[in-house]
């Protein structure tokens, strides 16, 4: 379950479908990832084909899945996904 968003633009996209302020082009892929994250009961539930799920080494207790190019959907976990964000961390 998604509890909090770090990005207001991402929260708006999740609740209304308006993605005009997001840096990614593939909104359908992002929507699928957010729905999967919202349904997840643990971070490992995001280890789905094509998502390239992994823990972030430099930032303890944060996870990531690949969106496109350098963009990743990242989050922390505290009984649900918190601080969900789209980042270009490369």
C-alpha atoms as a PDB file:
ATOM      1  CA  UNK A   1       0.000   0.000   0.000  1.00  0.00           C
ATOM      2  CA  UNK A   2       1.280   3.455  -0.843  1.00  0.00           C
ATOM      3  CA  UNK A   3       1.192   5.658   2.253  1.00  0.00           C
ATOM      4  CA  UNK A   4       3.090   8.807   1.225  1.00  0.00           C
ATOM      5  CA  UNK A   5       4.650  10.418  -1.830  1.00  0.00           C
ATOM      6  CA  UNK A   6       7.825  12.473  -1.875  1.00  0.00           C
ATOM      7  CA  UNK A   7       6.751  14.091  -5.147  1.00  0.00           C
ATOM      8  CA  UNK A   8       3.522  16.097  -5.317  1.00  0.00           C
ATOM      9  CA  UNK A   9       3.434  15.622  -9.117  1.00  0.00           C
ATOM     10  CA  UNK A  10       3.587  11.839  -8.667  1.00  0.00           C
ATOM     11  CA  UNK A  11       0.820  11.911  -6.054  1.00  0.00           C
ATOM     12  CA  UNK A  12      -1.347  13.950  -8.443  1.00  0.00           C
ATOM     13  CA  UNK A  13      -0.673  11.435 -11.224  1.00  0.00           C
ATOM     14  CA  UNK A  14      -1.606   8.524  -8.943  1.00  0.00           C
ATOM     15  CA  UNK A  15      -4.854  10.099  -7.743  1.00  0.00           C
ATOM     16  CA  UNK A  16      -6.049  11.914 -10.882  1.00  0.00           C
ATOM     17  CA  UNK A  17      -4.087  10.482 -13.826  1.00  0.00           C
ATOM     18  CA  UNK A  18      -2.654  13.913 -14.707  1.00  0.00           C
ATOM     19  CA  UNK A  19       1.034  13.333 -15.484  1.00  0.00           C
ATOM     20  CA  UNK A  20       1.942  16.581 -17.230  1.00  0.00           C
ATOM     21  CA  UNK A  21       4.441  17.586 -14.503  1.00  0.00           C
ATOM     22  CA  UNK A  22       6.283  14.247 -14.500  1.00  0.00           C
ATOM     23  CA  UNK A  23       9.653  13.835 -16.251  1.00  0.00           C
ATOM     24  CA  UNK A  24       8.826  10.412 -17.752  1.00  0.00           C
ATOM     25  CA  UNK A  25       7.215   9.739 -21.113  1.00  0.00           C
ATOM     26  CA  UNK A  26       5.752   6.285 -20.484  1.00  0.00           C
ATOM     27  CA  UNK A  27       2.814   7.065 -18.206  1.00  0.00           C
ATOM     28  CA  UNK A  28       1.189   3.654 -18.804  1.00  0.00           C
ATOM     29  CA  UNK A  29       4.284   1.866 -17.442  1.00  0.00           C
ATOM     30  CA  UNK A  30       4.413   4.216 -14.454  1.00  0.00           C
ATOM     31  CA  UNK A  31       0.701   3.629 -13.774  1.00  0.00           C
ATOM     32  CA  UNK A  32       1.273  -0.190 -13.782  1.00  0.00           C
ATOM     33  CA  UNK A  33       4.181   0.182 -11.378  1.00  0.00           C
ATOM     34  CA  UNK A  34       2.232   2.401  -8.991  1.00  0.00           C
ATOM     35  CA  UNK A  35      -0.723  -0.002  -8.995  1.00  0.00           C
ATOM     36  CA  UNK A  36       1.622  -2.928  -8.288  1.00  0.00           C
ATOM     37  CA  UNK A  37       3.304  -0.973  -5.483  1.00  0.00           C
ATOM     38  CA  UNK A  38      -0.073  -0.042  -4.015  1.00  0.00           C
ATOM     39  CA  UNK A  39      -1.034  -3.748  -3.974  1.00  0.00           C
ATOM     40  CA  UNK A  40       2.324  -4.896  -2.528  1.00  0.00           C
ATOM     41  CA  UNK A  41       2.498  -6.262   1.017  1.00  0.00           C
ATOM     42  CA  UNK A  42       6.322  -6.185   1.120  1.00  0.00           C
ATOM     43  CA  UNK A  43       9.014  -4.578  -1.062  1.00  0.00           C
ATOM     44  CA  UNK A  44       9.924  -7.911  -2.678  1.00  0.00           C
ATOM     45  CA  UNK A  45       6.436  -8.066  -4.234  1.00  0.00           C
ATOM     46  CA  UNK A  46       7.796  -5.587  -6.797  1.00  0.00           C
ATOM     47  CA  UNK A  47      10.272  -8.177  -8.105  1.00  0.00           C
ATOM     48  CA  UNK A  48       8.260  -8.614 -11.307  1.00  0.00           C
ATOM     49  CA  UNK A  49       9.583  -9.345 -14.821  1.00  0.00           C
ATOM     50  CA  UNK A  50      10.858  -6.196 -16.511  1.00  0.00           C
ATOM     51  CA  UNK A  51      10.803  -4.058 -13.350  1.00  0.00           C
ATOM     52  CA  UNK A  52      14.519  -4.635 -12.481  1.00  0.00           C
ATOM     53  CA  UNK A  53      13.730  -4.468  -8.753  1.00  0.00           C
ATOM     54  CA  UNK A  54      16.671  -3.813  -6.423  1.00  0.00           C
ATOM     55  CA  UNK A  55      17.607  -2.286  -3.089  1.00  0.00           C
ATOM     56  CA  UNK A  56      19.550   0.964  -3.310  1.00  0.00           C
ATOM     57  CA  UNK A  57      23.058   0.478  -1.936  1.00  0.00           C
ATOM     58  CA  UNK A  58      23.853   4.096  -1.138  1.00  0.00           C
ATOM     59  CA  UNK A  59      20.547   4.701   0.605  1.00  0.00           C
ATOM     60  CA  UNK A  60      19.681   2.044   3.194  1.00  0.00           C
ATOM     61  CA  UNK A  61      16.113   0.758   3.312  1.00  0.00           C
ATOM     62  CA  UNK A  62      15.097   2.217  -0.077  1.00  0.00           C
ATOM     63  CA  UNK A  63      14.103   0.200  -3.120  1.00  0.00           C
ATOM     64  CA  UNK A  64      13.896   0.921  -6.811  1.00  0.00           C
ATOM     65  CA  UNK A  65      12.369  -0.322 -10.056  1.00  0.00           C
ATOM     66  CA  UNK A  66      13.401   0.805 -13.541  1.00  0.00           C
ATOM     67  CA  UNK A  67      11.034   3.134 -15.406  1.00  0.00           C
ATOM     68  CA  UNK A  68      12.966   4.160 -18.525  1.00  0.00           C
ATOM     69  CA  UNK A  69      16.406   5.512 -19.331  1.00  0.00           C
ATOM     70  CA  UNK A  70      17.841   6.809 -16.064  1.00  0.00           C
ATOM     71  CA  UNK A  71      14.462   7.212 -14.348  1.00  0.00           C
ATOM     72  CA  UNK A  72      13.535   4.964 -11.434  1.00  0.00           C
ATOM     73  CA  UNK A  73      10.525   4.655  -9.168  1.00  0.00           C
ATOM     74  CA  UNK A  74      11.964   4.666  -5.642  1.00  0.00           C
ATOM     75  CA  UNK A  75      10.455   4.199  -2.199  1.00  0.00           C
ATOM     76  CA  UNK A  76      11.113   3.284   1.427  1.00  0.00           C
ATOM     77  CA  UNK A  77       9.036   0.758   3.368  1.00  0.00           C
ATOM     78  CA  UNK A  78       7.361   1.135   6.756  1.00  0.00           C
ATOM     79  CA  UNK A  79       4.378  -1.214   6.699  1.00  0.00           C
ATOM     80  CA  UNK A  80       3.670   0.225   3.258  1.00  0.00           C
ATOM     81  CA  UNK A  81       5.452   2.275   0.615  1.00  0.00           C
ATOM     82  CA  UNK A  82       6.495   5.713   1.881  1.00  0.00           C
ATOM     83  CA  UNK A  83       8.301   8.609   0.200  1.00  0.00           C
ATOM     84  CA  UNK A  84       7.467   7.256  -3.278  1.00  0.00           C
ATOM     85  CA  UNK A  85       9.257   9.263  -5.964  1.00  0.00           C
ATOM     86  CA  UNK A  86      10.455   9.268  -9.570  1.00  0.00           C
ATOM     87  CA  UNK A  87      14.200   9.925  -9.605  1.00  0.00           C
ATOM     88  CA  UNK A  88      17.024  10.239 -12.085  1.00  0.00           C
ATOM     89  CA  UNK A  89      19.743   9.005  -9.737  1.00  0.00           C
ATOM     90  CA  UNK A  90      22.443   8.049 -12.250  1.00  0.00           C
END
